[in-house]
Amino acid sequence: MSISAGDVVPFTQARANLSELADQVKAGAEKIITKNGESYVALIDADRLDYYHRLERERIHLLLIDDARRGLEDIAAGRTQDADAAIAQLQKRRAGPGDPAGKGNVKAAPAARKRG
């Protein structure tokens, strides 16, 4: 759905005509509310917002499936590495020149004190 000039509403006008704008949105319009001449918020139907959220979740799931597919292809092609070795390599890469232990900037948590 494209936005027309009539769908762009200044904040002060939106505040004064919120009920009318809500009816227009419920009928299928989408409104862009501006503040100081800049896009500020959008007014859309709640069902459409739910639909947009479902689409986003589906997109995330498709990306995860694609990542899994590529991972399986890497395994089938023998492009694998031992997890411990990979973690050690990452820690070594993160380590600064003054960090020979390869622990990076991670600080150890203080030991828990016994109470009692």
PDB file of N, CA and C in Angstrom:
ATOM      1  N   MET A   1       0.849  -1.171   0.000  1.00  0.00           N
ATOM      2  CA  MET A   1       0.000   0.000   0.000  1.00  0.00           C
ATOM      3  C   MET A   1       0.892   1.230   0.000  1.00  0.00           C
ATOM      4  N   SER A   2       0.626   2.161  -0.881  1.00  0.00           N
ATOM      5  CA  SER A   2       1.433   3.376  -0.940  1.00  0.00           C
ATOM      6  C   SER A   2       0.812   4.452  -0.057  1.00  0.00           C
ATOM      7  N   ILE A   3       1.654   5.330   0.407  1.00  0.00           N
ATOM      8  CA  ILE A   3       1.221   6.427   1.272  1.00  0.00           C
ATOM      9  C   ILE A   3       1.033   7.664   0.408  1.00  0.00           C
ATOM     10  N   SER A   4      -0.106   8.318   0.560  1.00  0.00           N
ATOM     11  CA  SER A   4      -0.358   9.554  -0.181  1.00  0.00           C
ATOM     12  C   SER A   4      -0.163  10.743   0.749  1.00  0.00           C
ATOM     13  N   ALA A   5      -0.182  11.931   0.179  1.00  0.00           N
ATOM     14  CA  ALA A   5       0.010  13.144   0.981  1.00  0.00           C
ATOM     15  C   ALA A   5      -1.067  13.267   2.052  1.00  0.00           C
ATOM     16  N   GLY A   6      -2.264  12.766   1.778  1.00  0.00           N
ATOM     17  CA  GLY A   6      -3.351  12.828   2.759  1.00  0.00           C
ATOM     18  C   GLY A   6      -3.150  11.887   3.930  1.00  0.00           C
ATOM     19  N   ASP A   7      -2.216  10.950   3.785  1.00  0.00           N
ATOM     20  CA  ASP A   7      -1.942  10.005   4.865  1.00  0.00           C
ATOM     21  C   ASP A   7      -0.856  10.506   5.812  1.00  0.00           C
ATOM     22  N   VAL A   8      -0.284  11.664   5.512  1.00  0.00           N
ATOM     23  CA  VAL A   8       0.734  12.271   6.366  1.00  0.00           C
ATOM     24  C   VAL A   8       0.045  13.362   7.174  1.00  0.00           C
ATOM     25  N   VAL A   9       0.071  13.195   8.495  1.00  0.00           N
ATOM     26  CA  VAL A   9      -0.707  14.073   9.368  1.00  0.00           C
ATOM     27  C   VAL A   9       0.203  14.658  10.448  1.00  0.00           C
ATOM     28  N   PRO A  10       0.182  15.995  10.613  1.00  0.00           N
ATOM     29  CA  PRO A  10       0.955  16.587  11.700  1.00  0.00           C
ATOM     30  C   PRO A  10       0.430  16.117  13.061  1.00  0.00           C
ATOM     31  N   PHE A  11       1.324  16.039  14.029  1.00  0.00           N
ATOM     32  CA  PHE A  11       0.990  15.538  15.357  1.00  0.00           C
ATOM     33  C   PHE A  11      -0.176  16.309  15.983  1.00  0.00           C
ATOM     34  N   THR A  12      -0.151  17.626  15.881  1.00  0.00           N
ATOM     35  CA  THR A  12      -1.220  18.434  16.485  1.00  0.00           C
ATOM     36  C   THR A  12      -2.568  18.125  15.852  1.00  0.00           C
ATOM     37  N   GLN A  13      -2.590  17.918  14.541  1.00  0.00           N
ATOM     38  CA  GLN A  13      -3.833  17.577  13.857  1.00  0.00           C
ATOM     39  C   GLN A  13      -4.279  16.167  14.252  1.00  0.00           C
ATOM     40  N   ALA A  14      -3.336  15.240  14.391  1.00  0.00           N
ATOM     41  CA  ALA A  14      -3.669  13.878  14.789  1.00  0.00           C
ATOM     42  C   ALA A  14      -4.285  13.863  16.186  1.00  0.00           C
ATOM     43  N   ARG A  15      -3.721  14.658  17.080  1.00  0.00           N
ATOM     44  CA  ARG A  15      -4.254  14.726  18.449  1.00  0.00           C
ATOM     45  C   ARG A  15      -5.696  15.235  18.439  1.00  0.00           C
ATOM     46  N   ALA A  16      -5.966  16.232  17.614  1.00  0.00           N
ATOM     47  CA  ALA A  16      -7.305  16.824  17.562  1.00  0.00           C
ATOM     48  C   ALA A  16      -8.311  15.910  16.868  1.00  0.00           C
ATOM     49  N   ASN A  17      -7.832  15.042  15.960  1.00  0.00           N
ATOM     50  CA  ASN A  17      -8.748  14.218  15.159  1.00  0.00           C
ATOM     51  C   ASN A  17      -8.463  12.728  15.310  1.00  0.00           C
ATOM     52  N   LEU A  18      -8.039  12.297  16.461  1.00  0.00           N
ATOM     53  CA  LEU A  18      -7.630  10.913  16.646  1.00  0.00           C
ATOM     54  C   LEU A  18      -8.755   9.924  16.332  1.00  0.00           C
ATOM     55  N   SER A  19      -9.957  10.207  16.774  1.00  0.00           N
ATOM     56  CA  SER A  19     -11.069   9.287  16.538  1.00  0.00           C
ATOM     57  C   SER A  19     -11.332   9.117  15.038  1.00  0.00           C
ATOM     58  N   GLU A  20     -11.333  10.223  14.309  1.00  0.00           N
ATOM     59  CA  GLU A  20     -11.542  10.182  12.855  1.00  0.00           C
ATOM     60  C   GLU A  20     -10.399   9.422  12.159  1.00  0.00           C
ATOM     61  N   LEU A  21      -9.161   9.684  12.578  1.00  0.00           N
ATOM     62  CA  LEU A  21      -8.014   8.985  11.995  1.00  0.00           C
ATOM     63  C   LEU A  21      -8.095   7.489  12.285  1.00  0.00           C
ATOM     64  N   ALA A  22      -8.503   7.129  13.496  1.00  0.00           N
ATOM     65  CA  ALA A  22      -8.628   5.716  13.857  1.00  0.00           C
ATOM     66  C   ALA A  22      -9.674   5.034  12.982  1.00  0.00           C
ATOM     67  N   ASP A  23     -10.769   5.702  12.706  1.00  0.00           N
ATOM     68  CA  ASP A  23     -11.791   5.124  11.821  1.00  0.00           C
ATOM     69  C   ASP A  23     -11.246   4.923  10.413  1.00  0.00           C
ATOM     70  N   GLN A  24     -10.472   5.885   9.918  1.00  0.00           N
ATOM     71  CA  GLN A  24      -9.876   5.761   8.583  1.00  0.00           C
ATOM     72  C   GLN A  24      -8.896   4.594   8.544  1.00  0.00           C
ATOM     73  N   VAL A  25      -8.118   4.441   9.604  1.00  0.00           N
ATOM     74  CA  VAL A  25      -7.142   3.347   9.666  1.00  0.00           C
ATOM     75  C   VAL A  25      -7.873   2.011   9.727  1.00  0.00           C
ATOM     76  N   LYS A  26      -8.920   1.942  10.514  1.00  0.00           N
ATOM     77  CA  LYS A  26      -9.693   0.696  10.619  1.00  0.00           C
ATOM     78  C   LYS A  26     -10.296   0.334   9.267  1.00  0.00           C
ATOM     79  N   ALA A  27     -10.582   1.352   8.442  1.00  0.00           N
ATOM     80  CA  ALA A  27     -11.145   1.120   7.103  1.00  0.00           C
ATOM     81  C   ALA A  27     -10.071   0.749   6.084  1.00  0.00           C
ATOM     82  N   GLY A  28      -8.786   0.742   6.500  1.00  0.00           N
ATOM     83  CA  GLY A  28      -7.746   0.292   5.582  1.00  0.00           C
ATOM     84  C   GLY A  28      -6.623   1.266   5.314  1.00  0.00           C
ATOM     85  N   ALA A  29      -6.763   2.514   5.753  1.00  0.00           N
ATOM     86  CA  ALA A  29      -5.710   3.495   5.521  1.00  0.00           C
ATOM     87  C   ALA A  29      -4.581   3.295   6.531  1.00  0.00           C
ATOM     88  N   GLU A  30      -3.426   3.813   6.215  1.00  0.00           N
ATOM     89  CA  GLU A  30      -2.310   3.882   7.148  1.00  0.00           C
ATOM     90  C   GLU A  30      -1.899   5.345   7.214  1.00  0.00           C
ATOM     91  N   LYS A  31      -1.609   5.815   8.401  1.00  0.00           N
ATOM     92  CA  LYS A  31      -1.271   7.222   8.582  1.00  0.00           C
ATOM     93  C   LYS A  31       0.144   7.354   9.124  1.00  0.00           C
ATOM     94  N   ILE A  32       0.853   8.334   8.620  1.00  0.00           N
ATOM     95  CA  ILE A  32       2.167   8.699   9.144  1.00  0.00           C
ATOM     96  C   ILE A  32       1.963  10.002   9.902  1.00  0.00           C
ATOM     97  N   ILE A  33       2.290   9.989  11.172  1.00  0.00           N
ATOM     98  CA  ILE A  33       2.144  11.190  11.991  1.00  0.00           C
ATOM     99  C   ILE A  33       3.519  11.835  12.100  1.00  0.00           C
ATOM    100  N   THR A  34       3.549  13.126  11.815  1.00  0.00           N
ATOM    101  CA  THR A  34       4.814  13.859  11.825  1.00  0.00           C
ATOM    102  C   THR A  34       4.896  14.758  13.053  1.00  0.00           C
ATOM    103  N   LYS A  35       6.122  15.017  13.457  1.00  0.00           N
ATOM    104  CA  LYS A  35       6.367  15.951  14.558  1.00  0.00           C
ATOM    105  C   LYS A  35       7.530  16.829  14.115  1.00  0.00           C
ATOM    106  N   ASN A  36       7.321  18.108  14.160  1.00  0.00           N
ATOM    107  CA  ASN A  36       8.315  19.081  13.689  1.00  0.00           C
ATOM    108  C   ASN A  36       8.722  18.802  12.243  1.00  0.00           C
ATOM    109  N   GLY A  37       7.772  18.380  11.418  1.00  0.00           N
ATOM    110  CA  GLY A  37       8.022  18.151  10.001  1.00  0.00           C
ATOM    111  C   GLY A  37       8.702  16.837   9.662  1.00  0.00           C
ATOM    112  N   GLU A  38       8.993  16.010  10.657  1.00  0.00           N
ATOM    113  CA  GLU A  38       9.677  14.726  10.445  1.00  0.00           C
ATOM    114  C   GLU A  38       8.727  13.576  10.772  1.00  0.00           C
ATOM    115  N   SER A  39       8.876  12.461  10.063  1.00  0.00           N
ATOM    116  CA  SER A  39       8.099  11.271  10.399  1.00  0.00           C
ATOM    117  C   SER A  39       8.338  10.931  11.854  1.00  0.00           C
ATOM    118  N   TYR A  40       7.258  10.635  12.581  1.00  0.00           N
ATOM    119  CA  TYR A  40       7.375  10.382  14.013  1.00  0.00           C
ATOM    120  C   TYR A  40       6.859   8.984  14.359  1.00  0.00           C
ATOM    121  N   VAL A  41       5.614   8.697  14.048  1.00  0.00           N
ATOM    122  CA  VAL A  41       5.024   7.382  14.292  1.00  0.00           C
ATOM    123  C   VAL A  41       4.048   7.057  13.174  1.00  0.00           C
ATOM    124  N   ALA A  42       3.657   5.778  13.122  1.00  0.00           N
ATOM    125  CA  ALA A  42       2.658   5.349  12.142  1.00  0.00           C
ATOM    126  C   ALA A  42       1.423   4.874  12.889  1.00  0.00           C
ATOM    127  N   LEU A  43       0.284   5.107  12.303  1.00  0.00           N
ATOM    128  CA  LEU A  43      -0.976   4.633  12.855  1.00  0.00           C
ATOM    129  C   LEU A  43      -1.509   3.590  11.876  1.00  0.00           C
ATOM    130  N   ILE A  44      -1.537   2.328  12.341  1.00  0.00           N
ATOM    131  CA  ILE A  44      -2.014   1.240  11.487  1.00  0.00           C
ATOM    132  C   ILE A  44      -2.995   0.382  12.264  1.00  0.00           C
ATOM    133  N   ASP A  45      -3.782  -0.382  11.549  1.00  0.00           N
ATOM    134  CA  ASP A  45      -4.752  -1.283  12.155  1.00  0.00           C
ATOM    135  C   ASP A  45      -4.023  -2.355  12.969  1.00  0.00           C
ATOM    136  N   ALA A  46      -4.556  -2.715  14.125  1.00  0.00           N
ATOM    137  CA  ALA A  46      -3.916  -3.696  15.004  1.00  0.00           C
ATOM    138  C   ALA A  46      -3.778  -5.054  14.317  1.00  0.00           C
ATOM    139  N   ASP A  47      -4.761  -5.448  13.512  1.00  0.00           N
ATOM    140  CA  ASP A  47      -4.661  -6.727  12.790  1.00  0.00           C
ATOM    141  C   ASP A  47      -3.509  -6.695  11.794  1.00  0.00           C
ATOM    142  N   ARG A  48      -3.313  -5.555  11.142  1.00  0.00           N
ATOM    143  CA  ARG A  48      -2.215  -5.426  10.193  1.00  0.00           C
ATOM    144  C   ARG A  48      -0.867  -5.463  10.918  1.00  0.00           C
ATOM    145  N   LEU A  49      -0.801  -4.856  12.100  1.00  0.00           N
ATOM    146  CA  LEU A  49       0.425  -4.914  12.897  1.00  0.00           C
ATOM    147  C   LEU A  49       0.742  -6.361  13.277  1.00  0.00           C
ATOM    148  N   ASP A  50      -0.272  -7.126  13.699  1.00  0.00           N
ATOM    149  CA  ASP A  50      -0.068  -8.547  13.991  1.00  0.00           C
ATOM    150  C   ASP A  50       0.453  -9.283  12.763  1.00  0.00           C
ATOM    151  N   TYR A  51      -0.109  -8.965  11.592  1.00  0.00           N
ATOM    152  CA  TYR A  51       0.322  -9.580  10.339  1.00  0.00           C
ATOM    153  C   TYR A  51       1.793  -9.258  10.065  1.00  0.00           C
ATOM    154  N   TYR A  52       2.182  -7.991  10.257  1.00  0.00           N
ATOM    155  CA  TYR A  52       3.571  -7.600  10.046  1.00  0.00           C
ATOM    156  C   TYR A  52       4.498  -8.362  10.993  1.00  0.00           C
ATOM    157  N   HIS A  53       4.071  -8.537  12.232  1.00  0.00           N
ATOM    158  CA  HIS A  53       4.890  -9.276  13.199  1.00  0.00           C
ATOM    159  C   HIS A  53       5.017 -10.746  12.795  1.00  0.00           C
ATOM    160  N   ARG A  54       3.920 -11.341  12.302  1.00  0.00           N
ATOM    161  CA  ARG A  54       3.990 -12.732  11.830  1.00  0.00           C
ATOM    162  C   ARG A  54       4.946 -12.844  10.650  1.00  0.00           C
ATOM    163  N   LEU A  55       4.887 -11.889   9.727  1.00  0.00           N
ATOM    164  CA  LEU A  55       5.802 -11.902   8.583  1.00  0.00           C
ATOM    165  C   LEU A  55       7.253 -11.827   9.043  1.00  0.00           C
ATOM    166  N   GLU A  56       7.530 -10.984  10.021  1.00  0.00           N
ATOM    167  CA  GLU A  56       8.892 -10.846  10.518  1.00  0.00           C
ATOM    168  C   GLU A  56       9.362 -12.147  11.168  1.00  0.00           C
ATOM    169  N   ARG A  57       8.494 -12.795  11.956  1.00  0.00           N
ATOM    170  CA  ARG A  57       8.872 -14.079  12.561  1.00  0.00           C
ATOM    171  C   ARG A  57       9.141 -15.127  11.483  1.00  0.00           C
ATOM    172  N   GLU A  58       8.300 -15.154  10.454  1.00  0.00           N
ATOM    173  CA  GLU A  58       8.510 -16.099   9.352  1.00  0.00           C
ATOM    174  C   GLU A  58       9.835 -15.826   8.647  1.00  0.00           C
ATOM    175  N   ARG A  59      10.172 -14.558   8.447  1.00  0.00           N
ATOM    176  CA  ARG A  59      11.436 -14.203   7.803  1.00  0.00           C
ATOM    177  C   ARG A  59      12.610 -14.697   8.650  1.00  0.00           C
ATOM    178  N   ILE A  60      12.518 -14.509   9.957  1.00  0.00           N
ATOM    179  CA  ILE A  60      13.578 -14.974  10.852  1.00  0.00           C
ATOM    180  C   ILE A  60      13.706 -16.492  10.764  1.00  0.00           C
ATOM    181  N   HIS A  61      12.575 -17.193  10.745  1.00  0.00           N
ATOM    182  CA  HIS A  61      12.621 -18.656  10.641  1.00  0.00           C
ATOM    183  C   HIS A  61      13.252 -19.097   9.331  1.00  0.00           C
ATOM    184  N   LEU A  62      12.927 -18.420   8.240  1.00  0.00           N
ATOM    185  CA  LEU A  62      13.520 -18.763   6.950  1.00  0.00           C
ATOM    186  C   LEU A  62      15.030 -18.533   6.956  1.00  0.00           C
ATOM    187  N   LEU A  63      15.464 -17.451   7.605  1.00  0.00           N
ATOM    188  CA  LEU A  63      16.902 -17.193   7.706  1.00  0.00           C
ATOM    189  C   LEU A  63      17.591 -18.285   8.528  1.00  0.00           C
ATOM    190  N   LEU A  64      16.953 -18.716   9.620  1.00  0.00           N
ATOM    191  CA  LEU A  64      17.526 -19.784  10.439  1.00  0.00           C
ATOM    192  C   LEU A  64      17.608 -21.094   9.660  1.00  0.00           C
ATOM    193  N   ILE A  65      16.579 -21.385   8.891  1.00  0.00           N
ATOM    194  CA  ILE A  65      16.577 -22.608   8.073  1.00  0.00           C
ATOM    195  C   ILE A  65      17.697 -22.538   7.039  1.00  0.00           C
ATOM    196  N   ASP A  66      17.879 -21.361   6.444  1.00  0.00           N
ATOM    197  CA  ASP A  66      18.951 -21.202   5.455  1.00  0.00           C
ATOM    198  C   ASP A  66      20.314 -21.371   6.113  1.00  0.00           C
ATOM    199  N   ASP A  67      20.486 -20.807   7.317  1.00  0.00           N
ATOM    200  CA  ASP A  67      21.756 -20.995   8.042  1.00  0.00           C
ATOM    201  C   ASP A  67      21.998 -22.476   8.333  1.00  0.00           C
ATOM    202  N   ALA A  68      20.948 -23.191   8.741  1.00  0.00           N
ATOM    203  CA  ALA A  68      21.088 -24.620   9.029  1.00  0.00           C
ATOM    204  C   ALA A  68      21.451 -25.386   7.753  1.00  0.00           C
ATOM    205  N   ARG A  69      20.817 -25.034   6.635  1.00  0.00           N
ATOM    206  CA  ARG A  69      21.112 -25.691   5.354  1.00  0.00           C
ATOM    207  C   ARG A  69      22.572 -25.494   4.970  1.00  0.00           C
ATOM    208  N   ARG A  70      23.050 -24.252   5.118  1.00  0.00           N
ATOM    209  CA  ARG A  70      24.454 -23.984   4.791  1.00  0.00           C
ATOM    210  C   ARG A  70      25.395 -24.731   5.736  1.00  0.00           C
ATOM    211  N   GLY A  71      25.004 -24.846   7.007  1.00  0.00           N
ATOM    212  CA  GLY A  71      25.811 -25.595   7.954  1.00  0.00           C
ATOM    213  C   GLY A  71      25.886 -27.064   7.581  1.00  0.00           C
ATOM    214  N   LEU A  72      24.764 -27.644   7.171  1.00  0.00           N
ATOM    215  CA  LEU A  72      24.748 -29.044   6.748  1.00  0.00           C
ATOM    216  C   LEU A  72      25.596 -29.243   5.485  1.00  0.00           C
ATOM    217  N   GLU A  73      25.542 -28.264   4.581  1.00  0.00           N
ATOM    218  CA  GLU A  73      26.386 -28.338   3.386  1.00  0.00           C
ATOM    219  C   GLU A  73      27.867 -28.301   3.769  1.00  0.00           C
ATOM    220  N   ASP A  74      28.211 -27.452   4.751  1.00  0.00           N
ATOM    221  CA  ASP A  74      29.604 -27.394   5.221  1.00  0.00           C
ATOM    222  C   ASP A  74      30.030 -28.734   5.811  1.00  0.00           C
ATOM    223  N   ILE A  75      29.157 -29.357   6.589  1.00  0.00           N
ATOM    224  CA  ILE A  75      29.474 -30.659   7.186  1.00  0.00           C
ATOM    225  C   ILE A  75      29.676 -31.696   6.087  1.00  0.00           C
ATOM    226  N   ALA A  76      28.763 -31.717   5.115  1.00  0.00           N
ATOM    227  CA  ALA A  76      28.862 -32.691   4.021  1.00  0.00           C
ATOM    228  C   ALA A  76      30.140 -32.484   3.207  1.00  0.00           C
ATOM    229  N   ALA A  77      30.592 -31.227   3.089  1.00  0.00           N
ATOM    230  CA  ALA A  77      31.795 -30.927   2.313  1.00  0.00           C
ATOM    231  C   ALA A  77      33.063 -31.049   3.155  1.00  0.00           C
ATOM    232  N   GLY A  78      32.909 -31.368   4.430  1.00  0.00           N
ATOM    233  CA  GLY A  78      34.074 -31.523   5.287  1.00  0.00           C
ATOM    234  C   GLY A  78      34.652 -30.224   5.803  1.00  0.00           C
ATOM    235  N   ARG A  79      33.908 -29.146   5.675  1.00  0.00           N
ATOM    236  CA  ARG A  79      34.375 -27.845   6.172  1.00  0.00           C
ATOM    237  C   ARG A  79      33.957 -27.705   7.632  1.00  0.00           C
ATOM    238  N   THR A  80      34.617 -28.478   8.487  1.00  0.00           N
ATOM    239  CA  THR A  80      34.289 -28.457   9.910  1.00  0.00           C
ATOM    240  C   THR A  80      35.542 -28.184  10.725  1.00  0.00           C
ATOM    241  N   GLN A  81      35.335 -27.873  11.984  1.00  0.00           N
ATOM    242  CA  GLN A  81      36.437 -27.571  12.880  1.00  0.00           C
ATOM    243  C   GLN A  81      35.997 -27.963  14.287  1.00  0.00           C
ATOM    244  N   ASP A  82      36.919 -28.434  15.081  1.00  0.00           N
ATOM    245  CA  ASP A  82      36.634 -28.784  16.459  1.00  0.00           C
ATOM    246  C   ASP A  82      36.178 -27.535  17.214  1.00  0.00           C
ATOM    247  N   ALA A  83      35.100 -27.640  17.988  1.00  0.00           N
ATOM    248  CA  ALA A  83      34.543 -26.486  18.693  1.00  0.00           C
ATOM    249  C   ALA A  83      35.541 -25.886  19.669  1.00  0.00           C
ATOM    250  N   ASP A  84      36.234 -26.715  20.429  1.00  0.00           N
ATOM    251  CA  ASP A  84      37.204 -26.193  21.399  1.00  0.00           C
ATOM    252  C   ASP A  84      38.329 -25.434  20.701  1.00  0.00           C
ATOM    253  N   ALA A  85      38.781 -25.965  19.572  1.00  0.00           N
ATOM    254  CA  ALA A  85      39.844 -25.293  18.818  1.00  0.00           C
ATOM    255  C   ALA A  85      39.341 -23.966  18.255  1.00  0.00           C
ATOM    256  N   ALA A  86      38.096 -23.941  17.787  1.00  0.00           N
ATOM    257  CA  ALA A  86      37.541 -22.706  17.233  1.00  0.00           C
ATOM    258  C   ALA A  86      37.403 -21.638  18.318  1.00  0.00           C
ATOM    259  N   ILE A  87      36.952 -22.047  19.509  1.00  0.00           N
ATOM    260  CA  ILE A  87      36.814 -21.095  20.613  1.00  0.00           C
ATOM    261  C   ILE A  87      38.182 -20.561  21.021  1.00  0.00           C
ATOM    262  N   ALA A  88      39.154 -21.440  21.106  1.00  0.00           N
ATOM    263  CA  ALA A  88      40.510 -21.009  21.468  1.00  0.00           C
ATOM    264  C   ALA A  88      41.058 -20.026  20.435  1.00  0.00           C
ATOM    265  N   GLN A  89      40.789 -20.293  19.173  1.00  0.00           N
ATOM    266  CA  GLN A  89      41.258 -19.399  18.112  1.00  0.00           C
ATOM    267  C   GLN A  89      40.586 -18.028  18.232  1.00  0.00           C
ATOM    268  N   LEU A  90      39.288 -17.999  18.511  1.00  0.00           N
ATOM    269  CA  LEU A  90      38.588 -16.728  18.684  1.00  0.00           C
ATOM    270  C   LEU A  90      39.135 -15.960  19.885  1.00  0.00           C
ATOM    271  N   GLN A  91      39.369 -16.660  20.984  1.00  0.00           N
ATOM    272  CA  GLN A  91      39.916 -15.997  22.169  1.00  0.00           C
ATOM    273  C   GLN A  91      41.298 -15.423  21.888  1.00  0.00           C
ATOM    274  N   LYS A  92      42.096 -16.161  21.134  1.00  0.00           N
ATOM    275  CA  LYS A  92      43.432 -15.684  20.798  1.00  0.00           C
ATOM    276  C   LYS A  92      43.344 -14.437  19.920  1.00  0.00           C
ATOM    277  N   ARG A  93      42.394 -14.433  18.982  1.00  0.00           N
ATOM    278  CA  ARG A  93      42.206 -13.286  18.101  1.00  0.00           C
ATOM    279  C   ARG A  93      41.751 -12.053  18.870  1.00  0.00           C
ATOM    280  N   ARG A  94      40.891 -12.259  19.875  1.00  0.00           N
ATOM    281  CA  ARG A  94      40.375 -11.144  20.662  1.00  0.00           C
ATOM    282  C   ARG A  94      41.400 -10.598  21.635  1.00  0.00           C
ATOM    283  N   ALA A  95      42.360 -11.413  22.007  1.00  0.00           N
ATOM    284  CA  ALA A  95      43.342 -11.009  23.009  1.00  0.00           C
ATOM    285  C   ALA A  95      44.160  -9.834  22.494  1.00  0.00           C
ATOM    286  N   GLY A  96      44.382  -8.894  23.363  1.00  0.00           N
ATOM    287  CA  GLY A  96      45.215  -7.750  23.009  1.00  0.00           C
ATOM    288  C   GLY A  96      46.677  -8.111  23.178  1.00  0.00           C
ATOM    289  N   PRO A  97      47.584  -7.216  22.761  1.00  0.00           N
ATOM    290  CA  PRO A  97      49.018  -7.508  22.877  1.00  0.00           C
ATOM    291  C   PRO A  97      49.463  -7.712  24.325  1.00  0.00           C
ATOM    292  N   GLY A  98      48.771  -7.126  25.291  1.00  0.00           N
ATOM    293  CA  GLY A  98      49.151  -7.282  26.691  1.00  0.00           C
ATOM    294  C   GLY A  98      48.392  -8.391  27.382  1.00  0.00           C
ATOM    295  N   ASP A  99      47.824  -9.314  26.607  1.00  0.00           N
ATOM    296  CA  ASP A  99      47.012 -10.383  27.185  1.00  0.00           C
ATOM    297  C   ASP A  99      47.515 -11.728  26.676  1.00  0.00           C
ATOM    298  N   PRO A 100      48.640 -12.213  27.187  1.00  0.00           N
ATOM    299  CA  PRO A 100      49.202 -13.460  26.668  1.00  0.00           C
ATOM    300  C   PRO A 100      48.348 -14.680  26.970  1.00  0.00           C
ATOM    301  N   ALA A 101      47.449 -14.586  27.950  1.00  0.00           N
ATOM    302  CA  ALA A 101      46.616 -15.742  28.301  1.00  0.00           C
ATOM    303  C   ALA A 101      45.510 -15.949  27.286  1.00  0.00           C
ATOM    304  N   GLY A 102      45.272 -14.953  26.416  1.00  0.00           N
ATOM    305  CA  GLY A 102      44.241 -15.095  25.397  1.00  0.00           C
ATOM    306  C   GLY A 102      42.836 -15.007  25.940  1.00  0.00           C
ATOM    307  N   LYS A 103      42.639 -14.298  27.039  1.00  0.00           N
ATOM    308  CA  LYS A 103      41.316 -14.195  27.644  1.00  0.00           C
ATOM    309  C   LYS A 103      40.557 -12.959  27.197  1.00  0.00           C
ATOM    310  N   GLY A 104      41.151 -12.132  26.364  1.00  0.00           N
ATOM    311  CA  GLY A 104      40.473 -10.930  25.908  1.00  0.00           C
ATOM    312  C   GLY A 104      40.277  -9.962  27.050  1.00  0.00           C
ATOM    313  N   ASN A 105      39.227  -9.162  26.984  1.00  0.00           N
ATOM    314  CA  ASN A 105      38.945  -8.185  28.026  1.00  0.00           C
ATOM    315  C   ASN A 105      37.935  -8.718  29.033  1.00  0.00           C
ATOM    316  N   VAL A 106      37.720 -10.007  29.060  1.00  0.00           N
ATOM    317  CA  VAL A 106      36.738 -10.590  29.963  1.00  0.00           C
ATOM    318  C   VAL A 106      37.343 -10.673  31.348  1.00  0.00           C
ATOM    319  N   LYS A 107      36.619 -10.129  32.337  1.00  0.00           N
ATOM    320  CA  LYS A 107      37.092 -10.180  33.712  1.00  0.00           C
ATOM    321  C   LYS A 107      36.387 -11.319  34.424  1.00  0.00           C
ATOM    322  N   ALA A 108      37.124 -12.018  35.246  1.00  0.00           N
ATOM    323  CA  ALA A 108      36.539 -13.109  36.000  1.00  0.00           C
ATOM    324  C   ALA A 108      35.620 -12.558  37.072  1.00  0.00           C
ATOM    325  N   ALA A 109      34.519 -13.269  37.306  1.00  0.00           N
ATOM    326  CA  ALA A 109      33.598 -12.860  38.358  1.00  0.00           C
ATOM    327  C   ALA A 109      34.232 -13.137  39.701  1.00  0.00           C
ATOM    328  N   PRO A 110      33.987 -12.295  40.697  1.00  0.00           N
ATOM    329  CA  PRO A 110      34.561 -12.544  42.010  1.00  0.00           C
ATOM    330  C   PRO A 110      33.980 -13.817  42.609  1.00  0.00           C
ATOM    331  N   ALA A 111      34.779 -14.478  43.404  1.00  0.00           N
ATOM    332  CA  ALA A 111      34.334 -15.726  44.028  1.00  0.00           C
ATOM    333  C   ALA A 111      33.192 -15.447  44.972  1.00  0.00           C
ATOM    334  N   ALA A 112      32.248 -16.368  45.025  1.00  0.00           N
ATOM    335  CA  ALA A 112      31.105 -16.205  45.921  1.00  0.00           C
ATOM    336  C   ALA A 112      31.564 -16.346  47.367  1.00  0.00           C
ATOM    337  N   ARG A 113      31.027 -15.496  48.220  1.00  0.00           N
ATOM    338  CA  ARG A 113      31.372 -15.567  49.649  1.00  0.00           C
ATOM    339  C   ARG A 113      30.416 -16.484  50.351  1.00  0.00           C
ATOM    340  N   LYS A 114      30.948 -17.252  51.264  1.00  0.00           N
ATOM    341  CA  LYS A 114      30.106 -18.125  52.070  1.00  0.00           C
ATOM    342  C   LYS A 114      29.441 -17.315  53.152  1.00  0.00           C
ATOM    343  N   ARG A 115      28.179 -17.561  53.329  1.00  0.00           N
ATOM    344  CA  ARG A 115      27.456 -16.871  54.406  1.00  0.00           C
ATOM    345  C   ARG A 115      27.135 -17.873  55.490  1.00  0.00           C
ATOM    346  N   GLY A 116      27.122 -17.398  56.683  1.00  0.00           N
ATOM    347  CA  GLY A 116      26.671 -18.314  57.702  1.00  0.00           C
ATOM    348  C   GLY A 116      27.445 -18.237  58.885  1.00  0.00           C
TER     349      GLY A 116
END
